[in-house]
Amino acid sequence: MIRPVVHPRVADALAAGRPVVALESTVYSQLGLPPGRNAEALERCLDAIESQGAIPAVTALLDGVPRVGLDGDGYEKILACEEKMAERDLPVAMAERWPAGATTVSGSLVLAHAAGIRIFATGGIGGVHRDSAETGDVSSDLEALARYRVATVCAGAKAFLDLPHTLERLETLGVPVVGYGCDELPAFWSRSSGLGLPYRVDTPAEAAAIVDAMGRTGVLFTVPPPDAAAVPNTVIDTAVAEALARAEAAGITGGDVTPYVLDAIDEATEGRSVDANVELVVNNARCAAAIARAAAIRNRPGAPLTAP
């Protein structure tokens, strides 16, 4: 069983029933955002969470040790990290004492769950790849969402994936997908995918009630990117088609597809996709903190069933 080292500030908050938000670290690494923009995103996400009285808990592996909650030195190591780590990689990374491993969604979920954190914020989840019928390529994020009772706040699945089949897979796994202020699945950089969602909430209190009622699986809350930063679907669709064609021609497969395609889309959109990525990651962190705060209010001794 994975037993992460929990930062004292995070442990104290959990023990006191204060709101805590887990964060992945791949988006802040060299694999997630360009140098400079990754540091900007990290600083703004930490500020967005702390400004609402919640405690940020970045998940990562440092010197072979899985950690939940970092400080200054740990943040610097993640900003420079070039190795990502899914749930399956954790035992190997620990045994081989990797100097640094940035967690993906699945890696973050196992660590958040082990630490007792119920709310997790990320950019976008992985999902079913468009050529999965031939390759069988389906992100381990989906199984992790079903396996761990953690609520994930995201901007949907990354738009270069097969979004209809990703939604279908989540339904099969029993993971509720809830629009947070939206009726359609966001398409990461774009506000809508045209795919309707079965559930919607509009307030942190409504979302917190679902968190408290979680069954055997986690819950996925999907938040559209801020309107001012969102990229039109037509622009993204063209960029995605070009990026996937380049990846296929270059023989890029497996876990290398996402960082390669992200770079290609950034180039095709002249940086608009990176701007949107930064803004949506910060927005998701802010929304997750609001939900965590509402959940903490609900669970105070003597509190009413509905948070104010």
Protein backbone atom coordinates (compact mmCIF):
# COMPACT_ATOMS: atom_id res chain seq x y z
CA MET A 1 0.00 0.00 0.00
CA ILE A 2 1.25 3.48 -0.88
CA ARG A 3 1.79 5.63 2.21
CA PRO A 4 2.83 9.14 1.18
CA VAL A 5 4.60 11.61 3.41
CA VAL A 6 2.04 14.32 4.15
CA HIS A 7 3.36 17.85 4.67
CA PRO A 8 2.74 19.02 8.26
CA ARG A 9 0.65 21.97 7.09
CA VAL A 10 -1.60 19.62 5.11
CA ALA A 11 -1.77 17.08 7.93
CA ASP A 12 -2.74 19.76 10.46
CA ALA A 13 -5.50 21.06 8.18
CA LEU A 14 -6.91 17.57 7.63
CA ALA A 15 -6.86 16.81 11.34
CA ALA A 16 -8.69 20.07 12.08
CA GLY A 17 -11.30 19.54 9.35
CA ARG A 18 -10.13 22.54 7.34
CA PRO A 19 -10.46 22.52 3.54
CA VAL A 20 -7.63 20.96 1.54
CA VAL A 21 -7.25 20.69 -2.25
CA ALA A 22 -4.90 18.16 -3.81
CA LEU A 23 -3.14 19.17 -7.02
CA GLU A 24 -1.32 17.14 -9.65
CA SER A 25 2.21 18.21 -10.56
CA THR A 26 2.64 17.22 -14.21
CA VAL A 27 1.01 20.44 -15.40
CA TYR A 28 3.63 22.44 -13.46
CA SER A 29 6.54 20.38 -14.78
CA GLN A 30 8.50 20.75 -18.01
CA LEU A 31 6.00 18.31 -19.57
CA GLY A 32 2.90 20.36 -18.80
CA LEU A 33 3.57 24.01 -19.57
CA PRO A 34 6.53 25.93 -21.02
CA PRO A 35 9.19 27.23 -18.61
CA GLY A 36 7.96 30.42 -16.97
CA ARG A 37 4.33 29.66 -17.68
CA ASN A 38 4.49 26.58 -15.44
CA ALA A 39 5.80 28.69 -12.55
CA GLU A 40 3.09 31.28 -13.20
CA ALA A 41 0.40 28.61 -13.15
CA LEU A 42 1.72 27.07 -9.94
CA GLU A 43 1.92 30.39 -8.10
CA ARG A 44 -1.55 31.43 -9.21
CA CYS A 45 -3.09 28.06 -8.33
CA LEU A 46 -1.59 28.16 -4.84
CA ASP A 47 -2.86 31.73 -4.39
CA ALA A 48 -6.34 30.84 -5.70
CA ILE A 49 -6.68 28.05 -3.16
CA GLU A 50 -5.19 29.92 -0.21
CA SER A 51 -7.28 33.03 -0.91
CA GLN A 52 -10.37 31.00 0.03
CA GLY A 53 -8.90 29.69 3.25
CA ALA A 54 -8.03 26.28 1.85
CA ILE A 55 -4.67 24.50 1.91
CA PRO A 56 -3.05 23.41 -1.39
CA ALA A 57 -1.46 19.96 -1.43
CA VAL A 58 0.66 19.35 -4.54
CA THR A 59 1.32 15.65 -5.05
CA ALA A 60 4.69 14.43 -6.33
CA LEU A 61 7.55 12.01 -5.78
CA LEU A 62 10.86 13.44 -4.55
CA ASP A 63 13.98 11.36 -3.83
CA GLY A 64 11.94 8.18 -4.10
CA VAL A 65 9.35 9.34 -1.56
CA PRO A 66 5.70 10.03 -2.53
CA ARG A 67 4.58 13.32 -1.05
CA VAL A 68 1.34 15.16 -0.49
CA GLY A 69 2.07 18.83 0.02
CA LEU A 70 5.32 20.56 -0.92
CA ASP A 71 7.29 23.64 0.07
CA GLY A 72 9.74 25.92 -1.73
CA ASP A 73 12.45 23.38 -2.56
CA GLY A 74 9.90 20.81 -3.65
CA TYR A 75 8.19 23.29 -5.94
CA GLU A 76 11.49 24.10 -7.61
CA LYS A 77 12.19 20.42 -8.26
CA ILE A 78 8.78 19.94 -9.85
CA LEU A 79 9.13 23.01 -12.07
CA ALA A 80 12.33 21.47 -13.45
CA CYS A 81 11.01 17.89 -13.58
CA GLU A 82 10.99 16.02 -16.90
CA GLU A 83 9.57 12.70 -15.69
CA LYS A 84 5.85 12.09 -15.22
CA MET A 85 4.46 9.36 -13.03
CA ALA A 86 1.09 7.62 -13.27
CA GLU A 87 -0.27 5.30 -10.58
CA ARG A 88 1.39 2.27 -12.19
CA ASP A 89 4.81 3.97 -12.01
CA LEU A 90 4.75 4.62 -8.27
CA PRO A 91 6.18 1.30 -7.01
CA VAL A 92 9.02 1.41 -9.54
CA ALA A 93 9.74 5.09 -8.89
CA MET A 94 9.89 4.43 -5.16
CA ALA A 95 12.06 1.32 -5.45
CA GLU A 96 14.48 2.98 -7.87
CA ARG A 97 14.42 6.22 -5.87
CA TRP A 98 13.66 8.55 -8.74
CA PRO A 99 14.94 12.03 -7.87
CA ALA A 100 11.66 13.57 -9.02
CA GLY A 101 8.41 12.37 -10.54
CA ALA A 102 5.52 14.66 -11.48
CA THR A 103 2.16 13.01 -10.86
CA THR A 104 -0.49 12.56 -13.52
CA VAL A 105 -4.18 12.42 -12.60
CA SER A 106 -4.04 8.73 -11.66
CA GLY A 107 -0.84 9.21 -9.65
CA SER A 108 -2.36 12.17 -7.84
CA LEU A 109 -5.60 10.37 -7.04
CA VAL A 110 -3.90 7.44 -5.31
CA LEU A 111 -1.82 9.83 -3.18
CA ALA A 112 -4.74 12.15 -2.37
CA HIS A 113 -6.89 9.19 -1.34
CA ALA A 114 -4.12 7.73 0.82
CA ALA A 115 -3.77 11.09 2.59
CA GLY A 116 -7.51 11.41 3.19
CA ILE A 117 -8.08 14.36 0.81
CA ARG A 118 -11.49 14.41 -0.87
CA ILE A 119 -11.08 17.23 -3.41
CA PHE A 120 -8.56 17.23 -6.25
CA ALA A 121 -8.01 19.84 -8.98
CA THR A 122 -6.33 19.34 -12.33
CA GLY A 123 -6.41 20.79 -15.83
CA GLY A 124 -7.94 18.03 -17.93
CA ILE A 125 -8.17 14.29 -17.46
CA GLY A 126 -6.87 11.64 -19.84
CA GLY A 127 -9.35 9.43 -21.62
CA VAL A 128 -10.03 7.18 -24.57
CA HIS A 129 -7.73 7.94 -27.50
CA ARG A 130 -9.18 8.36 -30.96
CA ASP A 131 -7.43 5.27 -32.33
CA SER A 132 -8.20 3.09 -29.32
CA ALA A 133 -10.02 0.50 -31.42
CA GLU A 134 -6.66 -0.37 -33.01
CA THR A 135 -4.26 0.48 -30.18
CA GLY A 136 -6.29 -0.12 -27.04
CA ASP A 137 -4.93 3.20 -25.73
CA VAL A 138 -7.12 4.30 -22.82
CA SER A 139 -5.75 6.48 -20.03
CA SER A 140 -5.40 4.94 -16.58
CA ASP A 141 -6.97 8.16 -15.28
CA LEU A 142 -10.43 6.71 -15.94
CA GLU A 143 -9.91 3.60 -13.84
CA ALA A 144 -8.39 5.73 -11.07
CA LEU A 145 -11.44 8.01 -11.08
CA ALA A 146 -13.54 4.91 -10.48
CA ARG A 147 -11.20 3.35 -7.91
CA TYR A 148 -10.64 6.26 -5.51
CA ARG A 149 -13.36 8.16 -3.63
CA VAL A 150 -12.02 11.60 -4.51
CA ALA A 151 -13.88 14.38 -6.29
CA THR A 152 -11.94 15.65 -9.31
CA VAL A 153 -12.42 19.17 -10.66
CA CYS A 154 -11.29 19.60 -14.27
CA ALA A 155 -12.07 21.20 -17.63
CA GLY A 156 -13.14 17.88 -19.13
CA ALA A 157 -10.87 15.56 -21.07
CA LYS A 158 -8.21 16.94 -23.39
CA ALA A 159 -9.81 17.77 -26.73
CA PHE A 160 -7.53 15.59 -28.85
CA LEU A 161 -9.10 12.51 -27.24
CA ASP A 162 -12.26 10.64 -28.23
CA LEU A 163 -14.64 12.58 -26.01
CA PRO A 164 -17.85 10.60 -26.69
CA HIS A 165 -16.14 7.30 -25.89
CA THR A 166 -14.47 8.83 -22.83
CA LEU A 167 -17.88 9.81 -21.45
CA GLU A 168 -19.22 6.36 -22.27
CA ARG A 169 -16.31 4.71 -20.46
CA LEU A 170 -16.89 6.84 -17.37
CA GLU A 171 -20.54 5.81 -17.39
CA THR A 172 -19.56 2.14 -17.62
CA LEU A 173 -17.18 2.59 -14.69
CA GLY A 174 -19.95 4.22 -12.64
CA VAL A 175 -18.28 7.61 -12.28
CA PRO A 176 -20.82 10.48 -12.08
CA VAL A 177 -19.87 13.33 -14.44
CA VAL A 178 -21.35 16.60 -13.19
CA GLY A 179 -21.31 19.91 -15.02
CA TYR A 180 -20.23 22.71 -12.69
CA GLY A 181 -22.16 25.63 -14.13
CA CYS A 182 -22.59 23.90 -17.49
CA ASP A 183 -24.86 21.41 -19.27
CA GLU A 184 -22.28 20.14 -21.76
CA LEU A 185 -18.88 18.54 -21.35
CA PRO A 186 -16.18 21.20 -21.74
CA ALA A 187 -13.55 20.42 -24.36
CA PHE A 188 -10.57 21.59 -22.29
CA TRP A 189 -9.46 24.66 -24.26
CA SER A 190 -13.03 25.25 -25.50
CA ARG A 191 -16.13 25.77 -23.40
CA SER A 192 -18.28 23.10 -25.03
CA SER A 193 -17.97 19.80 -26.85
CA GLY A 194 -21.61 19.42 -27.86
CA LEU A 195 -21.90 16.41 -25.52
CA GLY A 196 -24.65 16.78 -22.95
CA LEU A 197 -24.10 15.87 -19.30
CA PRO A 198 -26.64 14.08 -17.10
CA TYR A 199 -26.13 16.27 -14.02
CA ARG A 200 -25.46 19.93 -13.24
CA VAL A 201 -24.68 21.98 -10.12
CA ASP A 202 -24.23 25.73 -9.91
CA THR A 203 -22.91 26.36 -6.42
CA PRO A 204 -20.10 25.05 -4.21
CA ALA A 205 -22.71 23.93 -1.66
CA GLU A 206 -24.49 21.77 -4.24
CA ALA A 207 -21.19 20.23 -5.29
CA ALA A 208 -20.15 19.64 -1.67
CA ALA A 209 -23.39 17.73 -1.03
CA ILE A 210 -22.46 15.36 -3.87
CA VAL A 211 -18.95 14.97 -2.44
CA ASP A 212 -20.44 13.94 0.90
CA ALA A 213 -22.71 11.42 -0.84
CA MET A 214 -19.95 9.78 -2.92
CA GLY A 215 -20.43 6.04 -3.23
CA ARG A 216 -17.81 3.49 -4.22
CA THR A 217 -16.29 5.73 -6.93
CA GLY A 218 -15.06 9.27 -7.23
CA VAL A 219 -17.00 12.10 -8.85
CA LEU A 220 -15.92 14.20 -11.83
CA PHE A 221 -16.88 17.89 -11.82
CA THR A 222 -16.31 19.56 -15.19
CA VAL A 223 -15.77 23.33 -15.35
CA PRO A 224 -15.64 25.29 -18.63
CA PRO A 225 -12.52 27.42 -19.12
CA PRO A 226 -13.03 31.14 -18.47
CA ASP A 227 -14.81 32.71 -21.43
CA ALA A 228 -12.11 35.33 -22.05
CA ALA A 229 -9.40 32.67 -22.35
CA ALA A 230 -11.30 29.91 -24.17
CA VAL A 231 -10.25 29.05 -27.72
CA PRO A 232 -13.02 28.57 -30.34
CA ASN A 233 -13.74 24.97 -31.25
CA THR A 234 -12.96 25.58 -34.91
CA VAL A 235 -9.45 26.78 -34.09
CA ILE A 236 -8.78 23.87 -31.73
CA ASP A 237 -10.25 21.27 -34.08
CA THR A 238 -7.89 22.34 -36.87
CA ALA A 239 -4.89 22.45 -34.52
CA VAL A 240 -5.74 19.03 -33.05
CA ALA A 241 -6.05 17.43 -36.49
CA GLU A 242 -2.65 18.79 -37.52
CA ALA A 243 -1.03 17.79 -34.21
CA LEU A 244 -2.34 14.22 -34.32
CA ALA A 245 -1.19 13.83 -37.92
CA ARG A 246 2.29 15.01 -36.94
CA ALA A 247 2.37 12.64 -33.96
CA GLU A 248 1.41 9.68 -36.15
CA ALA A 249 3.99 10.59 -38.79
CA ALA A 250 6.65 10.87 -36.09
CA GLY A 251 5.69 7.50 -34.58
CA ILE A 252 4.75 9.02 -31.22
CA THR A 253 2.74 6.58 -29.08
CA GLY A 254 1.60 5.91 -25.52
CA GLY A 255 2.42 8.39 -22.78
CA ASP A 256 4.55 10.49 -25.14
CA VAL A 257 1.49 11.51 -27.17
CA THR A 258 0.10 14.08 -24.73
CA PRO A 259 3.19 16.31 -24.30
CA TYR A 260 3.98 16.07 -28.03
CA VAL A 261 0.45 17.02 -29.07
CA LEU A 262 0.25 19.83 -26.51
CA ASP A 263 3.41 21.37 -27.94
CA ALA A 264 2.12 21.01 -31.50
CA ILE A 265 -1.22 22.63 -30.60
CA ASP A 266 0.59 25.47 -28.84
CA GLU A 267 2.58 26.10 -32.02
CA ALA A 268 -0.51 25.89 -34.25
CA THR A 269 -2.53 28.31 -32.11
CA GLU A 270 0.40 30.72 -31.63
CA GLY A 271 0.28 30.35 -27.87
CA ARG A 272 -3.47 30.73 -27.38
CA SER A 273 -3.78 27.15 -26.15
CA VAL A 274 -1.13 27.72 -23.46
CA ASP A 275 -2.88 30.91 -22.31
CA ALA A 276 -6.14 28.98 -22.05
CA ASN A 277 -4.40 26.11 -20.24
CA VAL A 278 -3.00 28.41 -17.58
CA GLU A 279 -6.32 30.17 -17.04
CA LEU A 280 -8.37 26.96 -16.84
CA VAL A 281 -5.94 25.33 -14.40
CA VAL A 282 -6.18 28.36 -12.10
CA ASN A 283 -9.97 28.49 -12.47
CA ASN A 284 -10.28 24.79 -11.62
CA ALA A 285 -8.14 25.28 -8.51
CA ARG A 286 -10.35 28.19 -7.46
CA CYS A 287 -13.53 26.16 -7.97
CA ALA A 288 -12.09 23.16 -6.13
CA ALA A 289 -11.18 25.37 -3.16
CA ALA A 290 -14.73 26.73 -3.04
CA ILE A 291 -16.13 23.18 -3.04
CA ALA A 292 -13.64 22.07 -0.37
CA ARG A 293 -14.59 25.05 1.78
CA ALA A 294 -18.30 24.25 1.41
CA ALA A 295 -17.62 20.61 2.26
CA ALA A 296 -15.70 21.64 5.39
CA ILE A 297 -18.61 23.84 6.48
CA ARG A 298 -21.04 20.95 5.97
CA ASN A 299 -18.95 18.69 8.17
CA ARG A 300 -18.42 21.00 11.13
CA PRO A 301 -19.97 19.63 14.32
CA GLY A 302 -23.53 20.88 14.55
CA ALA A 303 -23.56 22.26 11.03
CA PRO A 304 -26.79 22.09 8.99
CA LEU A 305 -26.99 19.57 6.15
CA THR A 306 -26.72 22.32 3.55
CA ALA A 307 -23.77 24.73 3.62
CA PRO A 308 -24.69 28.44 3.52
